[in-house]
Amino acid sequence: MDEDMEEVEIVFAQRLASGEPTARQRAMKHLRTHIRERTKTDAKGFSSVSLARLCKGLHYALWMQDKMTLQEELADEICALCNYFRTDEQLLEFVVALFTTLSKEWPHIDRWRMDKFLMLVRRLVRTLFRRLSSHRWDSPLCDQFLQMFRSSLLSANSPLCESLKFHCASVWLDELDTVATAKVTPNEGNAGKNCDAFPLDAQRSLDFVWPYVQLLQEQISDSFFRTICSDIFDAILCDFEQRKAEKTDENCDEKQQNVTEDEEEKKKTEEKSSSFEFDYKRIGELLFEVGKQQKVPSRRRKRIYALCKKFECAAQGDDPFPVPNLEGVKMRKKKRRRKNSSS
């Protein structure tokens, strides 16, 4: 029986990588049914070898697709396969196999095909976050998904290529914010109905930032270190700065105009529905604990401590990126010149 199923999956992989668009489309259609049947309660599910075969076929199905619109549709279809696995364990095994396949094939992707694979990774991360949102960010489920990420894309020791880890860091907060502030789509485990997303509170948001805090003390490349600092922590601070500026502008507008109570209530509701909170003080404390580790190089420690100060400013409600007083700098330079000329 197992040998027969392996033969079926070999055929699936071959059809998915076919040069005929019609053959690839039929293979994708039948693959959904195959996954549902293989992951039934009384079925054994997929072996690691079977998943590797299927993921390689999916990789080359996207490789063969050249039309941009169809590339987006195919990427969505690949991500939608996550909904056909019966258990979360089976789903995560599939995701790890897909990341592993992408990592192995990554060095062979040319620059003309790179964008569609970057898009696939982004949409796959979004799909996983949507699944968590549809379960109201359930703690055990979040821990299970984050553990998968910590052993793959958020690990310094995983064999996955670093370029894939770079891209995950660059889309991490974007997709988390998109899912936390948008509506969950019908195919995300909601019985075909749209429902409001559940915003992330400060504690749950911290769980998604913590793996990157830990990575800063690991033996990672300088470029990966800089990517984490800029795309994760600087991005959080920039978001705070933007919100602070928008709030200041709104307060100024309200003083100049007579805003009705209905409009104020509507505005508060919109702000509440799009909230994505962070505990800036706690993030700063965690960064400080990492920065003081002896194994952290002094150059990186300096960068981490600079982030700590900025998060401390954010926790106090101050601008983490204050504009320097250029007039004061010019005056000090003039005084130095006068002093040097007189001496």
C-alpha atoms as a PDB file:
ATOM      1  CA  MET A   1       0.000   0.000   0.000  1.00  0.00           C
ATOM      2  CA  ASP A   2       2.741   2.452   0.965  1.00  0.00           C
ATOM      3  CA  GLU A   3       4.643   1.612  -2.200  1.00  0.00           C
ATOM      4  CA  ASP A   4       1.526   2.295  -4.270  1.00  0.00           C
ATOM      5  CA  MET A   5       1.044   5.683  -2.591  1.00  0.00           C
ATOM      6  CA  GLU A   6       4.679   6.558  -3.208  1.00  0.00           C
ATOM      7  CA  GLU A   7       4.184   5.784  -6.877  1.00  0.00           C
ATOM      8  CA  VAL A   8       1.147   8.077  -6.913  1.00  0.00           C
ATOM      9  CA  GLU A   9       3.148  10.915  -5.359  1.00  0.00           C
ATOM     10  CA  ILE A  10       5.956  10.453  -7.862  1.00  0.00           C
ATOM     11  CA  VAL A  11       3.373  10.859 -10.617  1.00  0.00           C
ATOM     12  CA  PHE A  12       2.018  13.977  -8.876  1.00  0.00           C
ATOM     13  CA  ALA A  13       5.510  15.486  -8.738  1.00  0.00           C
ATOM     14  CA  GLN A  14       6.056  14.744 -12.417  1.00  0.00           C
ATOM     15  CA  ARG A  15       2.694  16.216 -13.444  1.00  0.00           C
ATOM     16  CA  LEU A  16       3.232  19.342 -11.333  1.00  0.00           C
ATOM     17  CA  ALA A  17       6.559  19.924 -13.078  1.00  0.00           C
ATOM     18  CA  SER A  18       5.118  19.229 -16.512  1.00  0.00           C
ATOM     19  CA  GLY A  19       5.716  21.611 -19.367  1.00  0.00           C
ATOM     20  CA  GLU A  20       2.008  21.455 -20.231  1.00  0.00           C
ATOM     21  CA  PRO A  21      -0.080  24.063 -18.331  1.00  0.00           C
ATOM     22  CA  THR A  22      -3.184  21.869 -18.514  1.00  0.00           C
ATOM     23  CA  ALA A  23      -1.365  18.939 -16.908  1.00  0.00           C
ATOM     24  CA  ARG A  24      -0.111  21.168 -14.076  1.00  0.00           C
ATOM     25  CA  GLN A  25      -3.596  22.565 -13.430  1.00  0.00           C
ATOM     26  CA  ARG A  26      -5.143  19.103 -13.272  1.00  0.00           C
ATOM     27  CA  ALA A  27      -2.403  17.896 -10.947  1.00  0.00           C
ATOM     28  CA  MET A  28      -3.039  20.813  -8.551  1.00  0.00           C
ATOM     29  CA  LYS A  29      -6.763  20.096  -8.576  1.00  0.00           C
ATOM     30  CA  HIS A  30      -6.318  16.402  -7.785  1.00  0.00           C
ATOM     31  CA  LEU A  31      -3.589  17.110  -5.220  1.00  0.00           C
ATOM     32  CA  ARG A  32      -6.100  18.797  -2.910  1.00  0.00           C
ATOM     33  CA  THR A  33      -8.234  15.664  -2.830  1.00  0.00           C
ATOM     34  CA  HIS A  34      -5.151  13.486  -2.417  1.00  0.00           C
ATOM     35  CA  ILE A  35      -3.956  15.470   0.603  1.00  0.00           C
ATOM     36  CA  ARG A  36      -7.387  15.284   2.225  1.00  0.00           C
ATOM     37  CA  GLU A  37      -7.529  11.504   1.719  1.00  0.00           C
ATOM     38  CA  ARG A  38      -3.960  10.881   2.907  1.00  0.00           C
ATOM     39  CA  THR A  39      -4.469  12.871   6.119  1.00  0.00           C
ATOM     40  CA  LYS A  40      -7.788  11.339   7.167  1.00  0.00           C
ATOM     41  CA  THR A  41      -8.178  10.054  10.707  1.00  0.00           C
ATOM     42  CA  ASP A  42      -7.485   6.463   9.705  1.00  0.00           C
ATOM     43  CA  ALA A  43      -4.641   7.313   7.323  1.00  0.00           C
ATOM     44  CA  LYS A  44      -0.926   7.406   8.102  1.00  0.00           C
ATOM     45  CA  GLY A  45      -0.375  10.761   6.455  1.00  0.00           C
ATOM     46  CA  PHE A  46       2.691  11.700   4.458  1.00  0.00           C
ATOM     47  CA  SER A  47       6.230  10.551   5.049  1.00  0.00           C
ATOM     48  CA  SER A  48       9.068  13.068   4.870  1.00  0.00           C
ATOM     49  CA  VAL A  49      10.140  11.575   1.531  1.00  0.00           C
ATOM     50  CA  SER A  50       6.624  11.937   0.101  1.00  0.00           C
ATOM     51  CA  LEU A  51       6.380  15.552   1.237  1.00  0.00           C
ATOM     52  CA  ALA A  52       9.777  16.315  -0.273  1.00  0.00           C
ATOM     53  CA  ARG A  53       8.623  14.908  -3.630  1.00  0.00           C
ATOM     54  CA  LEU A  54       5.391  16.887  -3.620  1.00  0.00           C
ATOM     55  CA  CYS A  55       7.105  20.120  -2.572  1.00  0.00           C
ATOM     56  CA  LYS A  56       9.664  19.757  -5.323  1.00  0.00           C
ATOM     57  CA  GLY A  57       6.827  19.327  -7.797  1.00  0.00           C
ATOM     58  CA  LEU A  58       5.141  22.468  -6.424  1.00  0.00           C
ATOM     59  CA  HIS A  59       8.419  24.362  -6.717  1.00  0.00           C
ATOM     60  CA  TYR A  60       8.762  23.517 -10.379  1.00  0.00           C
ATOM     61  CA  ALA A  61       5.081  24.191 -11.030  1.00  0.00           C
ATOM     62  CA  LEU A  62       5.747  27.793  -9.988  1.00  0.00           C
ATOM     63  CA  TRP A  63       9.066  27.750 -11.842  1.00  0.00           C
ATOM     64  CA  MET A  64       7.288  26.857 -15.096  1.00  0.00           C
ATOM     65  CA  GLN A  65       4.612  29.552 -14.736  1.00  0.00           C
ATOM     66  CA  ASP A  66       5.668  32.733 -16.562  1.00  0.00           C
ATOM     67  CA  LYS A  67       2.488  34.841 -16.618  1.00  0.00           C
ATOM     68  CA  MET A  68       2.384  37.246 -13.680  1.00  0.00           C
ATOM     69  CA  THR A  69      -1.330  36.965 -12.919  1.00  0.00           C
ATOM     70  CA  LEU A  70      -1.200  33.173 -13.053  1.00  0.00           C
ATOM     71  CA  GLN A  71       1.888  33.216 -10.819  1.00  0.00           C
ATOM     72  CA  GLU A  72      -0.115  34.986  -8.112  1.00  0.00           C
ATOM     73  CA  GLU A  73      -2.997  32.543  -8.498  1.00  0.00           C
ATOM     74  CA  LEU A  74      -0.657  29.555  -8.304  1.00  0.00           C
ATOM     75  CA  ALA A  75       1.096  30.937  -5.209  1.00  0.00           C
ATOM     76  CA  ASP A  76      -2.322  31.303  -3.554  1.00  0.00           C
ATOM     77  CA  GLU A  77      -3.248  27.749  -4.566  1.00  0.00           C
ATOM     78  CA  ILE A  78      -0.026  26.384  -3.058  1.00  0.00           C
ATOM     79  CA  CYS A  79      -0.679  28.276   0.184  1.00  0.00           C
ATOM     80  CA  ALA A  80      -4.307  27.104   0.192  1.00  0.00           C
ATOM     81  CA  LEU A  81      -3.071  23.494   0.378  1.00  0.00           C
ATOM     82  CA  CYS A  82      -2.431  24.222   4.071  1.00  0.00           C
ATOM     83  CA  ASN A  83      -6.201  24.086   4.624  1.00  0.00           C
ATOM     84  CA  TYR A  84      -6.452  20.475   3.429  1.00  0.00           C
ATOM     85  CA  PHE A  85      -4.294  18.937   6.165  1.00  0.00           C
ATOM     86  CA  ARG A  86      -6.339  17.487   9.000  1.00  0.00           C
ATOM     87  CA  THR A  87      -4.036  18.389  11.892  1.00  0.00           C
ATOM     88  CA  ASP A  88      -1.706  21.272  12.610  1.00  0.00           C
ATOM     89  CA  GLU A  89       1.179  18.816  12.999  1.00  0.00           C
ATOM     90  CA  GLN A  90       0.663  17.571   9.440  1.00  0.00           C
ATOM     91  CA  LEU A  91       0.399  21.155   8.203  1.00  0.00           C
ATOM     92  CA  LEU A  92       3.672  22.172   9.865  1.00  0.00           C
ATOM     93  CA  GLU A  93       5.442  19.132   8.427  1.00  0.00           C
ATOM     94  CA  PHE A  94       4.312  20.256   4.970  1.00  0.00           C
ATOM     95  CA  VAL A  95       5.478  23.847   5.587  1.00  0.00           C
ATOM     96  CA  VAL A  96       8.901  22.703   6.790  1.00  0.00           C
ATOM     97  CA  ALA A  97       9.232  20.446   3.739  1.00  0.00           C
ATOM     98  CA  LEU A  98       8.302  23.363   1.471  1.00  0.00           C
ATOM     99  CA  PHE A  99      10.826  25.694   3.144  1.00  0.00           C
ATOM    100  CA  THR A 100      13.479  22.978   2.867  1.00  0.00           C
ATOM    101  CA  THR A 101      12.780  22.486  -0.843  1.00  0.00           C
ATOM    102  CA  LEU A 102      12.868  26.240  -1.495  1.00  0.00           C
ATOM    103  CA  SER A 103      16.160  26.486   0.373  1.00  0.00           C
ATOM    104  CA  LYS A 104      17.759  23.704  -1.668  1.00  0.00           C
ATOM    105  CA  GLU A 105      16.596  25.211  -4.958  1.00  0.00           C
ATOM    106  CA  TRP A 106      17.230  28.841  -3.979  1.00  0.00           C
ATOM    107  CA  PRO A 107      20.799  29.089  -5.382  1.00  0.00           C
ATOM    108  CA  HIS A 108      19.505  27.926  -8.773  1.00  0.00           C
ATOM    109  CA  ILE A 109      16.746  30.551  -9.077  1.00  0.00           C
ATOM    110  CA  ASP A 110      17.689  33.189 -11.643  1.00  0.00           C
ATOM    111  CA  ARG A 111      16.878  36.875 -11.252  1.00  0.00           C
ATOM    112  CA  TRP A 112      13.934  36.672 -13.658  1.00  0.00           C
ATOM    113  CA  ARG A 113      12.186  34.081 -11.472  1.00  0.00           C
ATOM    114  CA  MET A 114      13.200  35.335  -8.024  1.00  0.00           C
ATOM    115  CA  ASP A 115      10.229  37.664  -7.497  1.00  0.00           C
ATOM    116  CA  LYS A 116       7.607  34.930  -7.742  1.00  0.00           C
ATOM    117  CA  PHE A 117       9.368  32.775  -5.146  1.00  0.00           C
ATOM    118  CA  LEU A 118       9.741  35.759  -2.816  1.00  0.00           C
ATOM    119  CA  MET A 119       5.999  36.285  -3.268  1.00  0.00           C
ATOM    120  CA  LEU A 120       5.345  32.631  -2.405  1.00  0.00           C
ATOM    121  CA  VAL A 121       7.286  32.889   0.866  1.00  0.00           C
ATOM    122  CA  ARG A 122       5.468  36.101   1.805  1.00  0.00           C
ATOM    123  CA  ARG A 123       2.038  34.593   1.127  1.00  0.00           C
ATOM    124  CA  LEU A 124       2.916  31.392   2.941  1.00  0.00           C
ATOM    125  CA  VAL A 125       3.869  33.358   6.068  1.00  0.00           C
ATOM    126  CA  ARG A 126       0.617  35.311   5.709  1.00  0.00           C
ATOM    127  CA  THR A 127      -1.380  32.077   5.430  1.00  0.00           C
ATOM    128  CA  LEU A 128       0.129  30.713   8.640  1.00  0.00           C
ATOM    129  CA  PHE A 129      -0.574  33.960  10.489  1.00  0.00           C
ATOM    130  CA  ARG A 130      -4.160  33.907   9.216  1.00  0.00           C
ATOM    131  CA  ARG A 131      -4.615  30.422  10.600  1.00  0.00           C
ATOM    132  CA  LEU A 132      -3.459  31.672  13.994  1.00  0.00           C
ATOM    133  CA  SER A 133      -5.769  34.678  13.755  1.00  0.00           C
ATOM    134  CA  SER A 134      -8.735  32.446  12.906  1.00  0.00           C
ATOM    135  CA  HIS A 135      -8.056  30.654  16.213  1.00  0.00           C
ATOM    136  CA  ARG A 136      -7.886  33.995  18.068  1.00  0.00           C
ATOM    137  CA  TRP A 137      -4.122  33.707  18.523  1.00  0.00           C
ATOM    138  CA  ASP A 138      -4.558  30.696  20.779  1.00  0.00           C
ATOM    139  CA  SER A 139      -1.450  30.405  22.973  1.00  0.00           C
ATOM    140  CA  PRO A 140      -0.657  26.677  22.518  1.00  0.00           C
ATOM    141  CA  LEU A 141      -1.195  26.946  18.763  1.00  0.00           C
ATOM    142  CA  CYS A 142       0.978  30.077  18.491  1.00  0.00           C
ATOM    143  CA  ASP A 143       3.703  28.335  20.476  1.00  0.00           C
ATOM    144  CA  GLN A 144       3.510  25.345  18.145  1.00  0.00           C
ATOM    145  CA  PHE A 145       3.805  27.487  15.015  1.00  0.00           C
ATOM    146  CA  LEU A 146       6.558  29.683  16.453  1.00  0.00           C
ATOM    147  CA  GLN A 147       8.522  26.587  17.452  1.00  0.00           C
ATOM    148  CA  MET A 148       8.413  25.503  13.813  1.00  0.00           C
ATOM    149  CA  PHE A 149       9.779  28.894  12.757  1.00  0.00           C
ATOM    150  CA  ARG A 150      12.455  28.805  15.487  1.00  0.00           C
ATOM    151  CA  SER A 151      13.701  25.491  14.148  1.00  0.00           C
ATOM    152  CA  SER A 152      13.761  26.670  10.533  1.00  0.00           C
ATOM    153  CA  LEU A 153      13.724  30.283   9.333  1.00  0.00           C
ATOM    154  CA  LEU A 154      14.340  31.827  12.766  1.00  0.00           C
ATOM    155  CA  SER A 155      17.265  29.613  13.695  1.00  0.00           C
ATOM    156  CA  ALA A 156      20.960  30.372  13.413  1.00  0.00           C
ATOM    157  CA  ASN A 157      21.746  26.658  13.173  1.00  0.00           C
ATOM    158  CA  SER A 158      19.145  25.479  10.658  1.00  0.00           C
ATOM    159  CA  PRO A 159      20.472  24.369   7.251  1.00  0.00           C
ATOM    160  CA  LEU A 160      18.076  26.680   5.383  1.00  0.00           C
ATOM    161  CA  CYS A 161      19.803  29.246   3.196  1.00  0.00           C
ATOM    162  CA  GLU A 162      20.345  32.660   4.745  1.00  0.00           C
ATOM    163  CA  SER A 163      18.663  34.513   1.885  1.00  0.00           C
ATOM    164  CA  LEU A 164      15.399  32.803   2.796  1.00  0.00           C
ATOM    165  CA  LYS A 165      15.859  33.893   6.419  1.00  0.00           C
ATOM    166  CA  PHE A 166      16.524  37.469   5.256  1.00  0.00           C
ATOM    167  CA  HIS A 167      13.266  37.535   3.346  1.00  0.00           C
ATOM    168  CA  CYS A 168      11.307  36.091   6.251  1.00  0.00           C
ATOM    169  CA  ALA A 169      12.618  38.882   8.501  1.00  0.00           C
ATOM    170  CA  SER A 170      11.701  41.518   5.924  1.00  0.00           C
ATOM    171  CA  VAL A 171       8.063  40.352   5.647  1.00  0.00           C
ATOM    172  CA  TRP A 172       7.519  39.196   9.244  1.00  0.00           C
ATOM    173  CA  LEU A 173       6.034  42.362  10.750  1.00  0.00           C
ATOM    174  CA  ASP A 174       4.327  43.442   7.528  1.00  0.00           C
ATOM    175  CA  GLU A 175       2.328  40.234   7.294  1.00  0.00           C
ATOM    176  CA  LEU A 176       1.667  40.092  11.030  1.00  0.00           C
ATOM    177  CA  ASP A 177       0.262  43.615  10.881  1.00  0.00           C
ATOM    178  CA  THR A 178      -1.747  42.819   7.737  1.00  0.00           C
ATOM    179  CA  VAL A 179      -3.371  39.790   9.346  1.00  0.00           C
ATOM    180  CA  ALA A 180      -3.931  41.418  12.743  1.00  0.00           C
ATOM    181  CA  THR A 181      -5.701  44.443  11.260  1.00  0.00           C
ATOM    182  CA  ALA A 182      -7.624  42.892   8.351  1.00  0.00           C
ATOM    183  CA  LYS A 183     -10.454  40.443   7.877  1.00  0.00           C
ATOM    184  CA  VAL A 184      -9.806  36.712   7.815  1.00  0.00           C
ATOM    185  CA  THR A 185     -10.640  35.287   4.397  1.00  0.00           C
ATOM    186  CA  PRO A 186     -13.197  32.503   3.887  1.00  0.00           C
ATOM    187  CA  ASN A 187     -10.619  29.793   3.173  1.00  0.00           C
ATOM    188  CA  GLU A 188      -8.850  30.248   6.489  1.00  0.00           C
ATOM    189  CA  GLY A 189     -10.888  27.852   8.583  1.00  0.00           C
ATOM    190  CA  ASN A 190     -14.003  30.000   9.038  1.00  0.00           C
ATOM    191  CA  ALA A 191     -16.600  27.829   7.291  1.00  0.00           C
ATOM    192  CA  GLY A 192     -16.690  30.070   4.260  1.00  0.00           C
ATOM    193  CA  LYS A 193     -17.488  33.265   6.164  1.00  0.00           C
ATOM    194  CA  ASN A 194     -15.519  36.456   6.620  1.00  0.00           C
ATOM    195  CA  CYS A 195     -14.902  37.451  10.209  1.00  0.00           C
ATOM    196  CA  ASP A 196     -13.139  40.299  11.904  1.00  0.00           C
ATOM    197  CA  ALA A 197      -9.505  39.724  12.722  1.00  0.00           C
ATOM    198  CA  PHE A 198      -8.424  39.611  16.338  1.00  0.00           C
ATOM    199  CA  PRO A 199      -5.867  42.345  17.079  1.00  0.00           C
ATOM    200  CA  LEU A 200      -2.662  41.332  18.781  1.00  0.00           C
ATOM    201  CA  ASP A 201      -2.192  42.603  22.307  1.00  0.00           C
ATOM    202  CA  ALA A 202       1.221  43.617  23.636  1.00  0.00           C
ATOM    203  CA  GLN A 203       1.936  40.229  25.235  1.00  0.00           C
ATOM    204  CA  ARG A 204       1.115  38.182  22.152  1.00  0.00           C
ATOM    205  CA  SER A 205       3.043  40.595  19.914  1.00  0.00           C
ATOM    206  CA  LEU A 206       6.064  40.061  22.133  1.00  0.00           C
ATOM    207  CA  ASP A 207       5.930  36.323  21.421  1.00  0.00           C
ATOM    208  CA  PHE A 208       6.434  37.060  17.719  1.00  0.00           C
ATOM    209  CA  VAL A 209       9.341  39.448  18.380  1.00  0.00           C
ATOM    210  CA  TRP A 210      11.141  37.306  20.962  1.00  0.00           C
ATOM    211  CA  PRO A 211      12.707  34.819  18.468  1.00  0.00           C
ATOM    212  CA  TYR A 212      14.444  37.711  16.709  1.00  0.00           C
ATOM    213  CA  VAL A 213      15.677  39.082  20.041  1.00  0.00           C
ATOM    214  CA  GLN A 214      17.302  35.714  20.693  1.00  0.00           C
ATOM    215  CA  LEU A 215      18.861  35.627  17.224  1.00  0.00           C
ATOM    216  CA  LEU A 216      20.842  38.806  17.964  1.00  0.00           C
ATOM    217  CA  GLN A 217      23.066  36.896  20.407  1.00  0.00           C
ATOM    218  CA  GLU A 218      23.645  33.935  18.101  1.00  0.00           C
ATOM    219  CA  GLN A 219      26.454  33.349  15.605  1.00  0.00           C
ATOM    220  CA  ILE A 220      24.801  34.928  12.584  1.00  0.00           C
ATOM    221  CA  SER A 221      26.329  36.914   9.753  1.00  0.00           C
ATOM    222  CA  ASP A 222      26.722  40.689  10.031  1.00  0.00           C
ATOM    223  CA  SER A 223      24.290  41.208   7.163  1.00  0.00           C
ATOM    224  CA  PHE A 224      21.628  39.059   8.855  1.00  0.00           C
ATOM    225  CA  PHE A 225      22.220  40.946  12.122  1.00  0.00           C
ATOM    226  CA  ARG A 226      21.713  44.290  10.359  1.00  0.00           C
ATOM    227  CA  THR A 227      18.596  42.973   8.621  1.00  0.00           C
ATOM    228  CA  ILE A 228      17.018  41.964  11.931  1.00  0.00           C
ATOM    229  CA  CYS A 229      17.862  45.316  13.530  1.00  0.00           C
ATOM    230  CA  SER A 230      16.433  47.329  10.648  1.00  0.00           C
ATOM    231  CA  ASP A 231      13.463  45.214   9.491  1.00  0.00           C
ATOM    232  CA  ILE A 232      12.258  44.181  12.950  1.00  0.00           C
ATOM    233  CA  PHE A 233      13.291  46.611  15.676  1.00  0.00           C
ATOM    234  CA  ASP A 234      13.764  49.826  13.702  1.00  0.00           C
ATOM    235  CA  ALA A 235      10.463  49.040  11.960  1.00  0.00           C
ATOM    236  CA  ILE A 236       8.672  48.820  15.326  1.00  0.00           C
ATOM    237  CA  LEU A 237      10.149  52.165  16.371  1.00  0.00           C
ATOM    238  CA  CYS A 238       9.273  53.801  13.044  1.00  0.00           C
ATOM    239  CA  ASP A 239       5.701  52.565  13.441  1.00  0.00           C
ATOM    240  CA  PHE A 240       5.562  54.158  16.900  1.00  0.00           C
ATOM    241  CA  GLU A 241       6.960  57.417  15.530  1.00  0.00           C
ATOM    242  CA  GLN A 242       4.381  57.453  12.738  1.00  0.00           C
ATOM    243  CA  ARG A 243       1.501  56.795  15.125  1.00  0.00           C
ATOM    244  CA  LYS A 244       2.732  59.531  17.436  1.00  0.00           C
ATOM    245  CA  ALA A 245       2.910  62.004  14.548  1.00  0.00           C
ATOM    246  CA  GLU A 246      -0.573  61.039  13.310  1.00  0.00           C
ATOM    247  CA  LYS A 247      -2.007  61.435  16.798  1.00  0.00           C
ATOM    248  CA  THR A 248      -0.419  64.879  17.111  1.00  0.00           C
ATOM    249  CA  ASP A 249      -1.864  65.940  13.752  1.00  0.00           C
ATOM    250  CA  GLU A 250      -5.313  64.675  14.720  1.00  0.00           C
ATOM    251  CA  ASN A 251      -5.221  66.601  17.993  1.00  0.00           C
ATOM    252  CA  CYS A 252      -4.293  69.771  16.112  1.00  0.00           C
ATOM    253  CA  ASP A 253      -7.117  69.244  13.624  1.00  0.00           C
ATOM    254  CA  GLU A 254      -9.631  68.669  16.404  1.00  0.00           C
ATOM    255  CA  LYS A 255      -8.687  71.962  18.017  1.00  0.00           C
ATOM    256  CA  GLN A 256      -9.226  73.818  14.758  1.00  0.00           C
ATOM    257  CA  GLN A 257     -12.477  72.103  13.767  1.00  0.00           C
ATOM    258  CA  ASN A 258     -15.678  71.203  15.577  1.00  0.00           C
ATOM    259  CA  VAL A 259     -15.835  67.433  15.440  1.00  0.00           C
ATOM    260  CA  THR A 260     -19.177  65.836  16.282  1.00  0.00           C
ATOM    261  CA  GLU A 261     -19.473  63.095  18.875  1.00  0.00           C
ATOM    262  CA  ASP A 262     -20.469  60.562  16.207  1.00  0.00           C
ATOM    263  CA  GLU A 263     -17.313  61.267  14.211  1.00  0.00           C
ATOM    264  CA  GLU A 264     -15.164  60.983  17.333  1.00  0.00           C
ATOM    265  CA  GLU A 265     -16.787  57.668  18.249  1.00  0.00           C
ATOM    266  CA  LYS A 266     -16.266  56.357  14.711  1.00  0.00           C
ATOM    267  CA  LYS A 267     -12.614  57.394  14.797  1.00  0.00           C
ATOM    268  CA  LYS A 268     -12.047  55.640  18.141  1.00  0.00           C
ATOM    269  CA  THR A 269     -13.653  52.475  16.773  1.00  0.00           C
ATOM    270  CA  GLU A 270     -11.425  52.534  13.686  1.00  0.00           C
ATOM    271  CA  GLU A 271      -8.306  53.061  15.803  1.00  0.00           C
ATOM    272  CA  LYS A 272      -9.301  50.200  18.088  1.00  0.00           C
ATOM    273  CA  SER A 273      -9.950  47.832  15.179  1.00  0.00           C
ATOM    274  CA  SER A 274      -6.532  48.520  13.683  1.00  0.00           C
ATOM    275  CA  SER A 275      -4.522  48.360  16.909  1.00  0.00           C
ATOM    276  CA  PHE A 276      -1.280  46.417  16.878  1.00  0.00           C
ATOM    277  CA  GLU A 277       0.355  46.938  20.237  1.00  0.00           C
ATOM    278  CA  PHE A 278       3.897  46.487  21.488  1.00  0.00           C
ATOM    279  CA  ASP A 279       5.333  46.562  24.988  1.00  0.00           C
ATOM    280  CA  TYR A 280       8.224  48.911  24.187  1.00  0.00           C
ATOM    281  CA  LYS A 281       9.608  48.828  27.710  1.00  0.00           C
ATOM    282  CA  ARG A 282       9.722  45.029  27.791  1.00  0.00           C
ATOM    283  CA  ILE A 283      11.344  44.813  24.345  1.00  0.00           C
ATOM    284  CA  GLY A 284      14.025  47.250  25.514  1.00  0.00           C
ATOM    285  CA  GLU A 285      14.653  45.134  28.621  1.00  0.00           C
ATOM    286  CA  LEU A 286      14.976  41.948  26.573  1.00  0.00           C
ATOM    287  CA  LEU A 287      17.402  43.638  24.175  1.00  0.00           C
ATOM    288  CA  PHE A 288      19.470  44.834  27.127  1.00  0.00           C
ATOM    289  CA  GLU A 289      19.654  41.297  28.545  1.00  0.00           C
ATOM    290  CA  VAL A 290      20.881  40.042  25.170  1.00  0.00           C
ATOM    291  CA  GLY A 291      23.343  42.894  24.704  1.00  0.00           C
ATOM    292  CA  LYS A 292      25.137  42.270  27.983  1.00  0.00           C
ATOM    293  CA  GLN A 293      25.958  38.669  27.087  1.00  0.00           C
ATOM    294  CA  GLN A 294      29.728  38.162  26.886  1.00  0.00           C
ATOM    295  CA  LYS A 295      29.504  36.273  23.618  1.00  0.00           C
ATOM    296  CA  VAL A 296      28.009  39.312  21.854  1.00  0.00           C
ATOM    297  CA  PRO A 297      30.753  41.231  19.951  1.00  0.00           C
ATOM    298  CA  SER A 298      31.317  44.805  21.108  1.00  0.00           C
ATOM    299  CA  ARG A 299      30.285  46.229  17.734  1.00  0.00           C
ATOM    300  CA  ARG A 300      26.945  44.468  17.890  1.00  0.00           C
ATOM    301  CA  ARG A 301      26.519  45.302  21.574  1.00  0.00           C
ATOM    302  CA  LYS A 302      26.768  48.990  20.725  1.00  0.00           C
ATOM    303  CA  ARG A 303      23.986  48.643  18.146  1.00  0.00           C
ATOM    304  CA  ILE A 304      21.783  46.669  20.565  1.00  0.00           C
ATOM    305  CA  TYR A 305      22.240  49.232  23.347  1.00  0.00           C
ATOM    306  CA  ALA A 306      21.325  52.011  20.916  1.00  0.00           C
ATOM    307  CA  LEU A 307      18.076  50.161  20.237  1.00  0.00           C
ATOM    308  CA  CYS A 308      17.501  49.830  23.995  1.00  0.00           C
ATOM    309  CA  LYS A 309      17.668  53.609  24.424  1.00  0.00           C
ATOM    310  CA  LYS A 310      15.223  54.149  21.578  1.00  0.00           C
ATOM    311  CA  PHE A 311      12.745  51.649  23.018  1.00  0.00           C
ATOM    312  CA  GLU A 312      13.082  53.365  26.392  1.00  0.00           C
ATOM    313  CA  CYS A 313      12.137  56.657  24.721  1.00  0.00           C
ATOM    314  CA  ALA A 314       9.153  54.984  23.061  1.00  0.00           C
ATOM    315  CA  ALA A 315       8.032  53.504  26.393  1.00  0.00           C
ATOM    316  CA  GLN A 316       8.018  57.027  27.857  1.00  0.00           C
ATOM    317  CA  GLY A 317       6.053  58.365  24.910  1.00  0.00           C
ATOM    318  CA  ASP A 318       8.977  60.288  23.443  1.00  0.00           C
ATOM    319  CA  ASP A 319      10.131  60.298  19.835  1.00  0.00           C
ATOM    320  CA  PRO A 320      12.805  57.561  19.405  1.00  0.00           C
ATOM    321  CA  PHE A 321      14.190  59.432  16.392  1.00  0.00           C
ATOM    322  CA  PRO A 322      14.394  63.065  17.563  1.00  0.00           C
ATOM    323  CA  VAL A 323      15.374  65.653  14.975  1.00  0.00           C
ATOM    324  CA  PRO A 324      18.765  67.131  15.917  1.00  0.00           C
ATOM    325  CA  ASN A 325      18.967  70.858  16.655  1.00  0.00           C
ATOM    326  CA  LEU A 326      20.898  71.951  13.576  1.00  0.00           C
ATOM    327  CA  GLU A 327      21.069  75.580  14.703  1.00  0.00           C
ATOM    328  CA  GLY A 328      22.703  74.552  17.966  1.00  0.00           C
ATOM    329  CA  VAL A 329      25.232  72.382  16.112  1.00  0.00           C
ATOM    330  CA  LYS A 330      26.133  75.292  13.819  1.00  0.00           C
ATOM    331  CA  MET A 331      26.606  77.650  16.784  1.00  0.00           C
ATOM    332  CA  ARG A 332      28.919  75.178  18.551  1.00  0.00           C
ATOM    333  CA  LYS A 333      30.986  74.783  15.378  1.00  0.00           C
ATOM    334  CA  LYS A 334      31.319  78.579  15.055  1.00  0.00           C
ATOM    335  CA  LYS A 335      32.470  78.855  18.668  1.00  0.00           C
ATOM    336  CA  ARG A 336      35.110  76.167  18.077  1.00  0.00           C
ATOM    337  CA  ARG A 337      36.377  77.987  14.989  1.00  0.00           C
ATOM    338  CA  ARG A 338      36.634  81.276  16.885  1.00  0.00           C
ATOM    339  CA  LYS A 339      38.438  79.578  19.736  1.00  0.00           C
ATOM    340  CA  ASN A 340      40.890  77.866  17.382  1.00  0.00           C
ATOM    341  CA  SER A 341      41.557  81.076  15.445  1.00  0.00           C
ATOM    342  CA  SER A 342      42.173  83.080  18.620  1.00  0.00           C
ATOM    343  CA  SER A 343      44.593  80.494  19.944  1.00  0.00           C
END
